[in-house]
Every structure is written in structure tokens, then in C-alpha cells.
Protein backbone atom coordinates (compact mmCIF):
# COMPACT_ATOMS: atom_id res chain seq x y z
CA MET A 1 247.80 33.08 108.65
CA LYS A 2 250.48 33.14 105.96
CA ILE A 3 248.93 30.07 104.36
CA GLN A 4 245.58 31.81 104.36
CA TYR A 5 246.97 34.92 102.62
CA ARG A 6 248.75 32.75 100.06
CA SER A 7 245.57 30.81 99.38
CA ILE A 8 243.68 34.04 98.86
CA ALA A 9 246.36 35.29 96.45
CA VAL A 10 246.32 32.05 94.45
CA TYR A 11 242.54 32.11 94.39
CA ALA A 12 242.58 35.69 93.09
CA VAL A 13 244.92 34.79 90.23
CA LEU A 14 242.77 31.76 89.30
CA LEU A 15 239.62 33.86 89.48
CA LEU A 16 241.19 36.53 87.27
CA ALA A 17 242.15 33.91 84.69
CA ALA A 18 238.70 32.29 84.86
CA CYS A 19 237.07 35.67 84.27
CA GLY A 20 239.17 36.19 81.14
CA GLY A 21 241.44 38.84 82.63
CA PRO A 22 245.17 38.96 81.91
CA GLN A 23 247.48 37.00 84.21
CA PRO A 24 250.41 38.79 85.86
CA VAL A 25 253.44 39.16 83.60
CA GLU A 26 256.14 36.63 84.42
CA PRO A 27 259.77 37.76 84.72
CA GLY A 28 262.26 35.45 83.04
CA ILE A 29 263.17 34.26 79.55
CA TRP A 30 260.51 34.63 76.89
CA ARG A 31 260.62 33.30 73.34
CA ALA A 32 260.04 36.23 70.99
CA VAL A 33 259.22 35.75 67.32
CA VAL A 34 259.17 38.21 64.42
CA VAL A 35 257.58 36.98 61.19
CA LEU A 36 259.54 37.76 58.01
CA PRO A 37 258.67 36.77 54.44
CA GLY A 38 261.12 33.87 54.86
CA GLY A 39 259.50 32.55 58.03
CA GLU A 40 259.76 32.98 61.78
CA LEU A 41 262.75 34.83 63.24
CA PRO A 42 263.06 33.85 66.92
CA PHE A 43 265.16 35.48 69.62
CA SER A 44 265.24 35.33 73.40
CA LEU A 45 263.72 38.16 75.40
CA GLN A 46 264.59 38.46 79.07
CA LEU A 47 262.14 40.43 81.21
CA ASP A 48 263.14 41.43 84.74
CA ARG A 49 261.53 43.59 87.39
CA ALA A 50 263.14 45.53 90.23
CA GLY A 51 260.53 47.21 92.39
CA GLY A 52 258.01 48.61 89.97
CA ASP A 53 260.42 49.05 87.06
CA TRP A 54 260.71 46.55 84.24
CA SER A 55 263.83 45.93 82.16
CA ALA A 56 264.16 44.02 78.89
CA THR A 57 267.13 42.43 77.13
CA PHE A 58 267.42 40.84 73.70
CA ILE A 59 269.59 37.69 73.71
CA ASN A 60 271.38 36.31 70.65
CA GLY A 61 273.90 33.70 71.70
CA ALA A 62 276.57 35.53 73.69
CA GLU A 63 275.08 38.95 72.90
CA ARG A 64 272.98 40.92 75.37
CA VAL A 65 271.22 44.08 74.13
CA ASP A 66 269.51 46.14 76.83
CA VAL A 67 266.36 47.97 75.77
CA PRO A 68 266.51 51.65 76.84
CA GLU A 69 262.76 52.30 77.10
CA VAL A 70 260.50 49.61 78.56
CA ALA A 71 256.81 49.86 79.43
CA ILE A 72 255.10 46.63 80.52
CA SER A 73 251.70 46.00 82.04
CA ASN A 74 249.26 43.11 82.22
CA ASP A 75 247.70 44.56 79.05
CA THR A 76 250.51 46.01 76.93
CA LEU A 77 254.21 45.76 76.16
CA LYS A 78 256.20 48.56 74.54
CA LEU A 79 259.94 48.35 73.86
CA VAL A 80 261.66 51.34 72.25
CA MET A 81 265.22 51.54 70.90
CA PRO A 82 265.69 55.32 70.34
CA ALA A 83 269.22 55.05 68.96
CA PHE A 84 267.90 52.76 66.20
CA ASN A 85 264.49 54.47 65.91
CA THR A 86 262.69 51.12 66.25
CA ARG A 87 259.94 49.86 68.53
CA ILE A 88 257.85 46.86 69.55
CA ASP A 89 254.18 47.43 70.40
CA ALA A 90 252.14 44.49 71.68
CA THR A 91 249.02 43.65 73.68
CA ARG A 92 248.27 40.72 75.95
CA ASP A 93 247.22 37.50 74.26
CA GLY A 94 246.66 34.73 76.78
CA ALA A 95 249.87 34.30 78.77
CA GLY A 96 251.90 36.09 76.10
CA TYR A 97 251.83 39.16 73.87
CA THR A 98 251.13 39.76 70.19
CA GLY A 99 251.76 42.92 68.20
CA THR A 100 254.24 44.43 65.78
CA LEU A 101 257.90 45.28 65.34
CA THR A 102 258.47 48.55 63.47
CA LEU A 103 261.81 49.32 61.82
CA VAL A 104 262.35 52.79 60.32
CA LYS A 105 264.41 52.64 57.13
CA ARG A 106 265.84 55.15 54.66
CA GLY A 107 263.56 58.09 53.98
CA GLY A 108 261.54 57.36 57.10
CA LYS A 109 259.83 54.36 55.49
CA GLU A 110 258.54 51.87 58.02
CA GLN A 111 258.82 48.10 57.89
CA ILE A 112 256.14 46.55 60.11
CA MET A 113 256.33 42.86 61.04
CA PRO A 114 254.14 40.64 63.24
CA PHE A 115 255.61 40.06 66.71
CA SER A 116 254.75 37.64 69.50
CA ALA A 117 256.29 36.62 72.80
CA THR A 118 255.64 33.54 74.94
CA PRO A 119 256.85 33.04 78.53
CA ASN A 120 258.82 30.05 79.82
CA GLU A 121 259.92 28.85 76.41
CA SER A 122 263.69 28.58 75.97
CA ARG A 123 263.97 26.98 72.52
CA ARG A 124 265.33 29.10 69.66
CA PHE A 125 263.89 27.31 66.61
CA VAL A 126 263.09 23.68 67.51
CA VAL A 127 262.63 21.45 70.53
CA ALA A 128 265.54 19.01 70.53
CA ALA A 129 265.11 15.37 71.49
CA SER A 130 267.91 13.07 72.69
CA ASP A 131 267.59 10.84 69.63
CA ASP A 132 267.56 13.68 67.06
CA LYS A 133 269.88 13.37 64.08
CA TYR A 134 271.61 16.50 62.87
CA VAL A 135 274.53 17.61 60.72
CA THR A 136 277.68 19.38 61.90
CA VAL A 137 278.40 22.89 60.56
CA ASP A 138 281.21 23.77 62.98
CA GLY A 139 284.13 25.57 61.33
CA ARG A 140 284.95 28.09 58.60
CA TRP A 141 283.03 28.44 55.35
CA GLU A 142 283.57 30.28 52.07
CA VAL A 143 280.28 32.00 51.29
CA VAL A 144 278.67 33.79 48.35
CA PHE A 145 275.45 35.79 48.79
CA THR A 146 273.39 36.53 45.65
CA ASP A 147 270.62 39.13 45.79
CA ASP A 148 267.43 39.05 43.73
CA ASP A 149 269.08 41.18 41.00
CA GLY A 150 271.99 38.77 40.67
CA ALA A 151 274.63 40.87 42.45
CA GLN A 152 277.04 38.78 44.48
CA THR A 153 278.85 39.42 47.76
CA ALA A 154 281.69 37.30 49.12
CA ALA A 155 281.67 36.39 52.81
CA VAL A 156 283.23 34.08 55.34
CA GLY A 157 281.06 32.11 57.74
CA GLU A 158 282.40 31.04 61.12
CA PHE A 159 280.26 28.74 63.26
CA GLU A 160 280.64 26.97 66.60
CA GLN A 161 278.36 24.03 67.34
CA ASP A 162 277.45 22.41 70.67
CA GLU A 163 275.21 19.42 70.06
CA ASN A 164 272.40 20.91 67.94
CA HIS A 165 273.03 24.54 69.02
CA VAL A 166 274.98 26.86 66.71
CA GLN A 167 276.50 30.30 67.20
CA GLY A 168 278.58 32.35 64.80
CA THR A 169 278.49 35.07 62.19
CA PHE A 170 279.22 35.99 58.59
CA LEU A 171 282.11 38.37 57.89
CA THR A 172 282.12 40.53 54.76
CA ALA A 173 284.36 43.26 53.41
CA THR A 174 281.93 45.85 54.80
CA GLY A 175 281.40 44.38 58.26
CA ASP A 176 279.83 41.41 59.98
CA TYR A 177 276.32 40.08 60.54
CA ARG A 178 276.82 40.31 64.31
CA PHE A 179 275.83 37.63 66.81
CA LEU A 180 273.85 34.84 65.15
CA ALA A 181 272.30 32.03 67.16
CA GLY A 182 270.35 29.01 66.05
CA GLN A 183 270.09 25.27 65.69
CA VAL A 184 270.52 22.38 63.31
CA GLN A 185 267.85 19.76 62.77
CA GLY A 186 268.43 16.90 60.36
CA ASN A 187 270.27 18.44 57.40
CA ASP A 188 268.90 21.92 58.04
CA LEU A 189 270.55 24.97 59.64
CA TYR A 190 268.59 27.85 61.16
CA LEU A 191 270.20 31.12 62.39
CA SER A 192 268.72 34.42 63.50
CA THR A 193 269.36 37.68 65.30
CA PHE A 194 267.43 40.72 66.38
CA ASP A 195 269.68 43.38 67.90
CA GLY A 196 267.24 46.27 68.04
CA SER A 197 267.82 47.26 64.41
CA HIS A 198 268.55 44.36 62.10
CA ALA A 199 266.12 41.47 61.87
CA PHE A 200 268.13 38.68 60.21
CA LEU A 201 266.98 35.15 59.36
CA PHE A 202 269.19 32.53 57.70
CA THR A 203 268.14 29.04 56.65
CA ALA A 204 270.08 26.41 54.73
CA SER A 205 270.38 22.70 54.01
CA LEU A 206 273.64 20.76 53.96
CA ALA A 207 274.39 18.38 51.09
CA GLY A 208 277.88 16.91 51.18
CA GLU A 209 280.17 19.81 52.08
CA THR A 210 277.87 22.56 50.73
CA LEU A 211 275.24 24.66 52.46
CA ARG A 212 272.52 26.23 50.30
CA GLY A 213 269.84 28.50 51.65
CA GLY A 214 268.21 31.88 51.98
CA PHE A 215 268.80 35.09 53.94
CA TRP A 216 266.06 37.56 54.83
CA SER A 217 266.48 41.00 56.41
CA GLY A 218 263.29 42.73 57.49
CA THR A 219 260.41 42.76 55.04
CA ALA A 220 262.25 43.91 51.93
CA TRP A 221 265.60 42.14 51.51
CA HIS A 222 266.35 38.60 50.38
CA GLU A 223 269.47 36.82 49.17
CA ASP A 224 270.34 33.25 48.33
CA TRP A 225 273.58 31.94 49.77
CA VAL A 226 275.94 29.07 49.11
CA ALA A 227 278.75 28.03 51.46
CA THR A 228 281.50 25.44 51.15
CA ARG A 229 283.84 24.30 53.91
CA ASN A 230 287.17 26.10 53.59
CA ALA A 231 289.45 26.56 56.59
CA GLY A 232 291.52 29.02 54.55
CA ALA A 233 288.65 31.28 53.42
CA LYS A 234 289.51 34.97 53.73
CA LEU A 235 288.36 38.44 52.72
CA PRO A 236 290.17 41.38 51.05
CA ASP A 237 292.33 43.59 53.25
CA ALA A 238 290.01 46.15 54.89
CA TYR A 239 292.70 48.82 54.45
CA SER A 240 292.74 48.41 50.65
CA LEU A 241 289.08 48.89 49.70
CA THR A 242 288.61 52.68 49.92
CA GLN A 243 291.06 55.13 48.35
CA LEU A 244 291.73 58.84 48.81
CA VAL A 245 291.15 61.08 45.78
CA GLY A 246 293.47 64.09 45.90
CA ASP A 247 295.90 65.17 48.58
CA ARG A 248 293.75 65.82 51.64
CA PHE A 249 290.53 64.78 53.35
CA GLU A 250 288.42 67.80 54.29
CA PHE A 251 284.91 68.21 55.70
CA GLU A 252 282.45 70.87 56.79
CA PHE A 253 279.05 69.89 58.18
CA PRO A 254 276.67 71.10 60.91
CA ASN A 255 276.55 69.58 64.35
CA THR A 256 273.18 68.72 65.86
CA SER A 257 272.75 72.34 66.98
CA GLY A 258 273.21 73.56 63.40
CA GLN A 259 276.65 75.04 63.98
CA SER A 260 279.20 74.40 61.22
CA VAL A 261 282.25 72.30 62.12
CA SER A 262 285.16 72.16 59.67
CA SER A 263 288.40 70.22 59.39
CA ASP A 264 290.05 73.67 59.33
CA ASP A 265 288.79 74.54 62.83
CA PRO A 266 291.56 75.39 65.33
CA ARG A 267 290.65 72.44 67.60
CA PHE A 268 292.08 70.07 64.99
CA ASP A 269 295.35 71.95 64.36
CA GLY A 270 298.34 69.71 65.01
CA LYS A 271 296.12 66.85 66.17
CA VAL A 272 295.88 63.25 65.06
CA LEU A 273 292.39 62.99 63.57
CA LEU A 274 290.21 59.91 63.14
CA VAL A 275 287.18 60.61 60.94
CA THR A 276 284.56 57.91 60.80
CA LEU A 277 281.61 57.70 58.38
CA VAL A 278 278.72 56.23 60.34
CA GLY A 279 274.95 56.07 60.78
CA SER A 280 272.76 55.55 63.83
CA TRP A 281 270.82 52.87 61.91
CA CYS A 282 273.95 50.73 61.43
CA PRO A 283 274.67 48.05 64.11
CA ASN A 284 278.33 47.80 63.03
CA CYS A 285 278.55 51.56 63.64
CA HIS A 286 277.17 50.98 67.13
CA ASP A 287 279.91 48.40 67.69
CA GLU A 288 282.48 50.94 66.52
CA ALA A 289 281.05 53.70 68.72
CA ALA A 290 281.10 51.42 71.77
CA PHE A 291 284.83 51.01 71.11
CA LEU A 292 285.64 54.60 70.10
CA ALA A 293 283.90 56.42 72.98
CA PRO A 294 286.32 55.13 75.67
CA PHE A 295 289.15 55.06 73.10
CA TYR A 296 288.75 58.83 72.69
CA GLN A 297 288.79 59.39 76.44
CA LYS A 298 292.02 57.39 76.66
CA TYR A 299 293.95 59.23 73.94
CA ARG A 300 292.46 62.72 73.67
CA GLY A 301 294.92 64.08 76.22
CA GLN A 302 297.76 62.90 73.97
CA GLY A 303 296.44 64.79 70.95
CA LEU A 304 293.73 62.60 69.39
CA GLU A 305 290.53 64.04 67.94
CA ILE A 306 287.67 61.97 66.52
CA VAL A 307 284.81 63.21 64.33
CA GLY A 308 281.77 61.16 63.39
CA LEU A 309 280.15 62.09 60.06
CA MET A 310 276.59 60.82 60.43
CA PHE A 311 274.73 59.66 57.33
CA GLU A 312 271.14 59.12 58.39
CA HIS A 313 267.99 57.47 57.05
CA LEU A 314 266.02 60.66 57.82
CA GLU A 315 266.15 63.55 55.34
CA ASP A 316 264.81 66.29 57.64
CA PHE A 317 267.68 67.92 59.55
CA ASP A 318 265.86 68.20 62.88
CA GLU A 319 264.74 64.56 62.74
CA ALA A 320 268.23 63.43 61.76
CA ALA A 321 269.74 65.54 64.57
CA ARG A 322 267.43 63.93 67.14
CA GLN A 323 268.51 60.52 65.92
CA VAL A 324 272.19 61.48 66.12
CA ASN A 325 271.71 62.76 69.66
CA ALA A 326 270.09 59.47 70.67
CA PHE A 327 273.12 57.68 69.24
CA ARG A 328 275.44 60.05 71.16
CA ASN A 329 273.56 59.50 74.43
CA LYS A 330 273.61 55.72 74.10
CA PHE A 331 277.42 55.62 74.13
CA ASP A 332 278.23 58.83 76.05
CA ILE A 333 280.15 60.09 73.02
CA GLU A 334 282.22 63.21 73.73
CA TYR A 335 283.69 63.77 70.25
CA PRO A 336 281.78 65.79 67.61
CA LEU A 337 279.00 64.12 65.61
CA LEU A 338 278.05 66.01 62.45
CA VAL A 339 274.94 65.59 60.30
CA ALA A 340 276.56 64.81 56.95
CA GLY A 341 273.73 63.58 54.71
CA SER A 342 271.82 60.58 53.44
CA SER A 343 272.61 56.97 54.25
CA ASP A 344 272.28 56.08 50.56
CA LYS A 345 275.83 55.08 49.56
CA LYS A 346 275.61 56.66 46.10
CA ARG A 347 274.50 59.99 47.55
CA ALA A 348 277.08 59.73 50.31
CA SER A 349 279.77 59.11 47.68
CA ARG A 350 278.77 62.34 45.93
CA THR A 351 279.19 64.14 49.27
CA MET A 352 282.53 62.51 50.07
CA THR A 353 284.23 63.53 46.81
CA MET A 354 287.70 63.09 48.35
CA LEU A 355 287.06 59.33 48.51
CA ASP A 356 286.77 57.12 45.44
CA ARG A 357 283.46 55.83 46.89
CA VAL A 358 281.61 55.19 50.12
CA TYR A 359 281.75 51.43 50.15
CA SER A 360 280.70 50.79 53.72
CA PHE A 361 279.40 52.26 56.95
CA PRO A 362 281.50 52.62 58.97
CA THR A 363 284.59 53.79 57.08
CA SER A 364 287.44 55.21 59.18
CA ILE A 365 290.07 57.69 57.94
CA PHE A 366 293.31 58.05 59.92
CA ILE A 367 294.92 61.51 59.50
CA ASP A 368 298.27 62.51 61.00
CA ARG A 369 299.21 65.80 62.67
CA THR A 370 300.16 67.39 59.33
CA GLY A 371 296.78 66.60 57.73
CA GLU A 372 298.03 63.67 55.64
CA VAL A 373 295.75 60.65 55.30
CA ARG A 374 297.75 57.64 56.43
CA GLN A 375 295.17 54.84 56.33
CA ILE A 376 291.54 54.22 55.43
CA HIS A 377 289.77 51.25 57.02
CA THR A 378 286.54 49.98 55.45
CA GLY A 379 283.91 48.28 57.62
CA PHE A 380 284.12 47.17 61.23
CA SER A 381 284.29 43.63 62.62
CA GLY A 382 282.44 43.81 65.93
CA PRO A 383 282.54 41.69 69.09
CA GLY A 384 280.47 38.98 67.39
CA THR A 385 283.53 38.09 65.29
CA GLY A 386 285.69 37.12 68.28
CA GLU A 387 289.39 37.15 67.39
CA HIS A 388 288.76 39.35 64.35
CA TYR A 389 287.40 42.07 66.63
CA GLN A 390 290.40 41.75 68.93
CA LYS A 391 292.74 42.04 65.95
CA LEU A 392 290.91 45.15 64.68
CA VAL A 393 291.05 46.84 68.10
CA ALA A 394 294.77 46.10 68.36
CA GLY A 395 295.34 47.51 64.86
CA PHE A 396 293.43 50.72 65.56
CA SER A 397 295.33 51.22 68.82
CA GLU A 398 298.70 50.56 67.21
CA THR A 399 298.02 52.99 64.37
CA ILE A 400 296.83 55.81 66.64
CA GLU A 401 299.71 55.35 69.07
CA GLN A 402 302.18 55.48 66.19
CA LEU A 403 300.64 58.68 64.80
CA LEU A 404 300.57 60.30 68.25
CA ALA A 405 304.23 59.48 68.74
CA GLU A 406 305.32 61.16 65.51
């Protein structure tokens, strides 16, 4: 009898396929692709089902990003990342899905890119064969990015290679490019990530000890990059890049309910205060928030307060407040988040007149119990940077513990 039921079930699936209807969605690893001007950006998409509820996870090397809102049927797929204000909308196309990825950028402008997903395909970029020839990019690289206007940015690339598979990241003075995963084929290197916000694609070719290639972010950003092997490559000290102008750092901005919160409020009297300039659109800020939320719970009883000044892509206060609340909910943040202004760095610099500039999101200001600024840290090296992240966490903890002990 069991064989009979199974035969009927198999027959029903085959009949559905023969009639042109969609086949049942398969749990497991899917190969997702977003098309950028520079080519295909692949990432792994894991779909799982428990009972009637689907879950989805983006995979970039060691990184796992759970999607908060998932709606999957035989006909449609919708993945929403509220804290980033991005979404994937797709319809069934054979065994897979095709549709669009929508990223919301500054001013509410949308970047819309073609999206597709195919089941049971584990490759990132290429299918590797046992006799393939490929270069080795393992190690540390001194990197220069050059945008289309000629402006240059120094970086350090760190890559780990296992056969033709590569993982790593680029570190800059303002933060890192998070978890990158890819492959080498012949003389060519391919790296990508999609973390729910940033859609990054890197390609390059190796000649001698030099990599030359291109970097694309979404639909609107492109840079050329050149990298040379250099085990001693390093960046400027993150505590030296942003300077205080004047004697004190002060703020007054509304929270998401519209109530004004000021550095002069009684809750901050005699407290050690960590003020961080962040944005919900910024993946490095998400890395920082994932660290600071439990950090605050650990030290608040000893006299630590944290305030997040949120600089958002959205100009309308109510829209910005909704975005900030989504960011708060993602990390269970208990410290105040204030709607401080636009994510444009020039406009943010005009708001933060007590700093010489807003060079990076995030930027963290350490203030002692007397109101004196003791340190300013620019950028944030997240978990994708390995030992650099561990060093940053240790430094933050050491600084706060010292200030609390004074």
C-alpha cells in the first residue's frame, strides 16, 4: 500500500510537470545570481522548511545571513530585509525563480537588478575540474581602488585559498568589505558577496605579483583596483583619522518617537558615554550593533551609556524612524537611537560640527565621566576580518573598562 501511495505521488508530480505547472520547491542550497553592470554576482541561498514555514539564509563563505521575512510558494519567492530596506521579488521559472533585487539608496532611490535562483547548484562562479590550472592569491595584498573620477582609496586585501576556492576581504580606513567568497580560474580571480544590503562583485587577473581588475557595487558604483603582494601592508591608525573640534562633544536629536534626547540629559550625568555615528543601510554598522547590543547589557550596570546617532538614506522623519526601529529590532538594542540626519557624509559633517569631518560610518566617540572626549575610532572591522575584529573588540573593551574604573 505504501508503494502504491508513493507511485501515485510520483505520478502526480510528473503529471504536474508535464502539464506545465510549477514543481514543488526544493529545500537545500540554491545558486542565486544578481546581474550587475560588471557581470554576474553569485551567492549561495539556503532554503529550509519546518512545517509550513520557510526560512532563507544568504551564504558568503563563513558568513550566514538569515532573512527576516520569507514568503515562498510554487509560484513566487519574496525575501525582505527590513533593517536594510531591501527585497527580492521573483516568480517561478522552470525549476528555479527569476525576478529582481531592489536596494533602496540615499534619498529613497531604488537600484533594481535582475535576480535568479537555481536549485541543486553549489558552484559559486565556475565548475572546477580536477585538471584545472589556476593561480594562487593566498596572503596579504597592498591595494589601491580608483573610482571613475580618479579618486583613490588605499586598502589591504587578505585572502585564504583552498584549491581553487578563495575567501577573504578588503580592509580600508573606513571599514571592511565583509565576507567575500569566490574562485580562481586560470589567471583570473572572482569574488562576491550579497549580505542583504551590499551587492559586491570583484574580478581581477594576476600577472606576475600584481592583480588588476574591477569592483562593482550595485548598479551605480565602479572602481578599478590594483593589488601587489605585500605581507607588511597596513592602514592608518583608526584612532587618528577623526579629530574633535573644540572642547566637548554635544548632541541633541529626536528619538524615533519624536522626543528630543540631549547629551545634557540627567541619564548621562557622571556616566561613561559611547556615541556612535551609524546608519541602518551600512553593513559595518550592523556588525558594530551586533557587538554593542550585548556589550551595553554587560557594562550598563557599571555606568556605561551608549547612544546611536542614525544618519539615514531616507529624508522623511517618519520613514527614517521606521527604518531605525527595524534596525533596533534586529539586534534587540536597548540604548537610545536618535534620528540625526542624512547619510550623505558632507551633510553629516555640517551636522557634526564638533568633529573635523564625518569620514566614515560608523565612527565611535569615547567620552569619560567628566564629559571629556578620550578617543575617536573611525570605521569598524567586522567578523569578516578575523583577527582584526578580535583586536578591535579587545580594544573597545579595554578602553571602556579603563574609563569605568576612573
